[in-house]
Amino acid sequence: MYVAKGKPSPNATKIWLTRNGGCVLANNGSRLNRRELANVMDFVMLNHAQICERWRSYFHGDISYYC
C-alpha cells in the first residue's frame, strides 16, 4: 500500500499489511511527520479487512502478506 501527500510517486510511503490484521512501515518516503504517520497506520489497521477485500476483488486473487 502506498501513501503520499499530494500526487503519489515511486518514493511514496509504503506500508505492508500483516496476516494478523496489523501493518508495518516499510518506508516513509513521503516524509510524513509522526502524527500523520500514526494516523495513517491507525487507519490502515482499523480498515485492514476492507482493504484486503478490495485488493482481492480488484486483483481477482489471494493476497501474500509481509508476515
N, C-alpha and C. Protein backbone atom coordinates (compact mmCIF):
# COMPACT_ATOMS: atom_id res chain seq x y z
N MET A 1 0.85 -1.15 0.00
CA MET A 1 0.00 0.00 0.00
C MET A 1 0.90 1.22 0.00
N TYR A 2 0.59 2.20 -0.86
CA TYR A 2 1.36 3.43 -0.96
C TYR A 2 0.58 4.58 -0.34
N VAL A 3 1.29 5.47 0.33
CA VAL A 3 0.68 6.64 0.95
C VAL A 3 1.53 7.85 0.56
N ALA A 4 0.88 8.94 0.15
CA ALA A 4 1.62 10.14 -0.23
C ALA A 4 0.80 11.38 0.05
N LYS A 5 1.50 12.48 0.32
CA LYS A 5 0.85 13.79 0.36
C LYS A 5 0.81 14.27 -1.07
N GLY A 6 -0.36 14.63 -1.56
CA GLY A 6 -0.45 15.09 -2.94
C GLY A 6 -0.38 13.92 -3.90
N LYS A 7 0.33 14.11 -5.00
CA LYS A 7 0.44 13.10 -6.05
C LYS A 7 1.36 11.95 -5.63
N PRO A 8 0.88 10.70 -5.71
CA PRO A 8 1.72 9.55 -5.36
C PRO A 8 2.94 9.47 -6.28
N SER A 9 4.02 8.96 -5.74
CA SER A 9 5.26 8.82 -6.50
C SER A 9 5.91 7.49 -6.15
N PRO A 10 6.92 7.08 -6.90
CA PRO A 10 7.61 5.82 -6.57
C PRO A 10 8.24 5.84 -5.18
N ASN A 11 8.51 7.03 -4.64
CA ASN A 11 9.11 7.15 -3.31
C ASN A 11 8.08 7.37 -2.22
N ALA A 12 6.81 7.13 -2.51
CA ALA A 12 5.75 7.34 -1.52
C ALA A 12 5.98 6.44 -0.31
N THR A 13 5.34 6.78 0.79
CA THR A 13 5.40 5.96 1.99
C THR A 13 4.77 4.61 1.68
N LYS A 14 5.43 3.54 2.12
CA LYS A 14 4.96 2.18 1.85
C LYS A 14 4.64 1.48 3.16
N ILE A 15 3.47 0.86 3.20
CA ILE A 15 3.02 0.15 4.39
C ILE A 15 2.65 -1.27 3.98
N TRP A 16 3.22 -2.24 4.68
CA TRP A 16 2.93 -3.64 4.41
C TRP A 16 1.84 -4.12 5.36
N LEU A 17 0.87 -4.85 4.82
CA LEU A 17 -0.16 -5.47 5.65
C LEU A 17 0.36 -6.78 6.21
N THR A 18 -0.01 -7.09 7.45
CA THR A 18 0.38 -8.36 8.04
C THR A 18 -0.84 -9.29 8.10
N ARG A 19 -0.57 -10.55 8.20
CA ARG A 19 -1.62 -11.57 8.20
C ARG A 19 -2.55 -11.43 9.41
N ASN A 20 -2.03 -10.95 10.54
CA ASN A 20 -2.83 -10.88 11.77
C ASN A 20 -3.66 -9.62 11.90
N GLY A 21 -3.75 -8.79 10.83
CA GLY A 21 -4.58 -7.60 10.87
C GLY A 21 -3.84 -6.32 11.18
N GLY A 22 -2.54 -6.40 11.27
CA GLY A 22 -1.74 -5.22 11.54
C GLY A 22 -1.07 -4.70 10.28
N CYS A 23 -0.10 -3.82 10.49
CA CYS A 23 0.66 -3.29 9.38
C CYS A 23 2.06 -2.90 9.87
N VAL A 24 2.98 -2.80 8.91
CA VAL A 24 4.37 -2.48 9.21
C VAL A 24 4.81 -1.39 8.25
N LEU A 25 5.47 -0.37 8.78
CA LEU A 25 6.01 0.68 7.93
C LEU A 25 7.24 0.15 7.21
N ALA A 26 7.22 0.18 5.89
CA ALA A 26 8.36 -0.28 5.09
C ALA A 26 9.27 0.89 4.74
N ASN A 27 8.69 2.08 4.56
CA ASN A 27 9.47 3.23 4.13
C ASN A 27 8.60 4.48 4.25
N ASN A 28 9.16 5.55 4.78
CA ASN A 28 8.42 6.80 4.91
C ASN A 28 8.93 7.80 3.87
N GLY A 29 8.89 7.41 2.61
CA GLY A 29 9.39 8.23 1.52
C GLY A 29 8.64 9.54 1.34
N SER A 30 7.40 9.62 1.79
CA SER A 30 6.63 10.86 1.70
C SER A 30 6.98 11.82 2.82
N ARG A 31 7.80 11.34 3.74
CA ARG A 31 8.25 12.14 4.89
C ARG A 31 7.08 12.68 5.71
N LEU A 32 6.13 11.77 5.98
CA LEU A 32 5.02 12.13 6.86
C LEU A 32 5.58 12.36 8.26
N ASN A 33 5.05 13.36 8.98
CA ASN A 33 5.53 13.56 10.34
C ASN A 33 4.94 12.46 11.23
N ARG A 34 5.41 12.38 12.47
CA ARG A 34 5.00 11.29 13.37
C ARG A 34 3.49 11.21 13.55
N ARG A 35 2.85 12.36 13.71
CA ARG A 35 1.40 12.36 13.93
C ARG A 35 0.65 11.88 12.70
N GLU A 36 1.04 12.38 11.52
CA GLU A 36 0.39 11.95 10.28
C GLU A 36 0.60 10.45 10.06
N LEU A 37 1.82 9.99 10.29
CA LEU A 37 2.13 8.57 10.09
C LEU A 37 1.33 7.71 11.07
N ALA A 38 1.23 8.14 12.31
CA ALA A 38 0.45 7.39 13.30
C ALA A 38 -1.02 7.32 12.88
N ASN A 39 -1.56 8.43 12.38
CA ASN A 39 -2.95 8.44 11.92
C ASN A 39 -3.16 7.49 10.75
N VAL A 40 -2.24 7.48 9.81
CA VAL A 40 -2.35 6.60 8.64
C VAL A 40 -2.26 5.14 9.08
N MET A 41 -1.30 4.83 9.95
CA MET A 41 -1.13 3.44 10.40
C MET A 41 -2.38 2.99 11.16
N ASP A 42 -2.94 3.86 12.01
CA ASP A 42 -4.19 3.51 12.73
C ASP A 42 -5.32 3.26 11.74
N PHE A 43 -5.44 4.11 10.72
CA PHE A 43 -6.48 3.95 9.72
C PHE A 43 -6.34 2.60 9.00
N VAL A 44 -5.11 2.26 8.61
CA VAL A 44 -4.87 1.00 7.90
C VAL A 44 -5.25 -0.18 8.79
N MET A 45 -4.84 -0.16 10.05
CA MET A 45 -5.17 -1.28 10.95
C MET A 45 -6.67 -1.40 11.19
N LEU A 46 -7.35 -0.26 11.35
CA LEU A 46 -8.79 -0.29 11.59
C LEU A 46 -9.58 -0.74 10.36
N ASN A 47 -9.01 -0.58 9.18
CA ASN A 47 -9.69 -0.92 7.93
C ASN A 47 -9.03 -2.09 7.20
N HIS A 48 -8.24 -2.85 7.91
CA HIS A 48 -7.46 -3.96 7.33
C HIS A 48 -8.34 -4.91 6.52
N ALA A 49 -9.44 -5.35 7.10
CA ALA A 49 -10.31 -6.33 6.42
C ALA A 49 -10.87 -5.76 5.13
N GLN A 50 -11.33 -4.52 5.16
CA GLN A 50 -11.89 -3.90 3.96
C GLN A 50 -10.81 -3.69 2.89
N ILE A 51 -9.62 -3.28 3.29
CA ILE A 51 -8.52 -3.10 2.34
C ILE A 51 -8.21 -4.43 1.65
N CYS A 52 -8.13 -5.50 2.44
CA CYS A 52 -7.84 -6.83 1.88
C CYS A 52 -8.94 -7.29 0.94
N GLU A 53 -10.19 -7.07 1.32
CA GLU A 53 -11.32 -7.47 0.47
C GLU A 53 -11.29 -6.73 -0.86
N ARG A 54 -11.03 -5.45 -0.81
CA ARG A 54 -10.96 -4.67 -2.05
C ARG A 54 -9.78 -5.11 -2.91
N TRP A 55 -8.67 -5.47 -2.29
CA TRP A 55 -7.50 -5.98 -3.02
C TRP A 55 -7.89 -7.26 -3.76
N ARG A 56 -8.51 -8.19 -3.04
CA ARG A 56 -8.93 -9.46 -3.65
C ARG A 56 -9.90 -9.23 -4.80
N SER A 57 -10.83 -8.31 -4.61
CA SER A 57 -11.83 -8.01 -5.63
C SER A 57 -11.18 -7.39 -6.87
N TYR A 58 -10.28 -6.47 -6.68
CA TYR A 58 -9.64 -5.77 -7.79
C TYR A 58 -8.69 -6.67 -8.56
N PHE A 59 -7.87 -7.45 -7.83
CA PHE A 59 -6.86 -8.29 -8.48
C PHE A 59 -7.34 -9.72 -8.73
N HIS A 60 -8.56 -10.04 -8.33
CA HIS A 60 -9.15 -11.37 -8.56
C HIS A 60 -8.27 -12.49 -8.05
N GLY A 61 -7.78 -12.34 -6.85
CA GLY A 61 -6.93 -13.39 -6.30
C GLY A 61 -6.64 -13.19 -4.84
N ASP A 62 -5.74 -14.02 -4.36
CA ASP A 62 -5.40 -14.01 -2.95
C ASP A 62 -4.28 -13.00 -2.69
N ILE A 63 -4.04 -12.75 -1.44
CA ILE A 63 -3.03 -11.79 -1.01
C ILE A 63 -1.86 -12.56 -0.39
N SER A 64 -0.65 -12.08 -0.67
CA SER A 64 0.50 -12.60 0.08
C SER A 64 0.92 -11.48 1.03
N TYR A 65 1.02 -11.81 2.31
CA TYR A 65 1.29 -10.83 3.35
C TYR A 65 2.79 -10.74 3.63
N TYR A 66 3.18 -9.62 4.24
CA TYR A 66 4.58 -9.42 4.61
C TYR A 66 4.99 -10.46 5.64
N CYS A 67 4.16 -10.64 6.67
CA CYS A 67 4.43 -11.66 7.68
C CYS A 67 3.14 -12.04 8.38
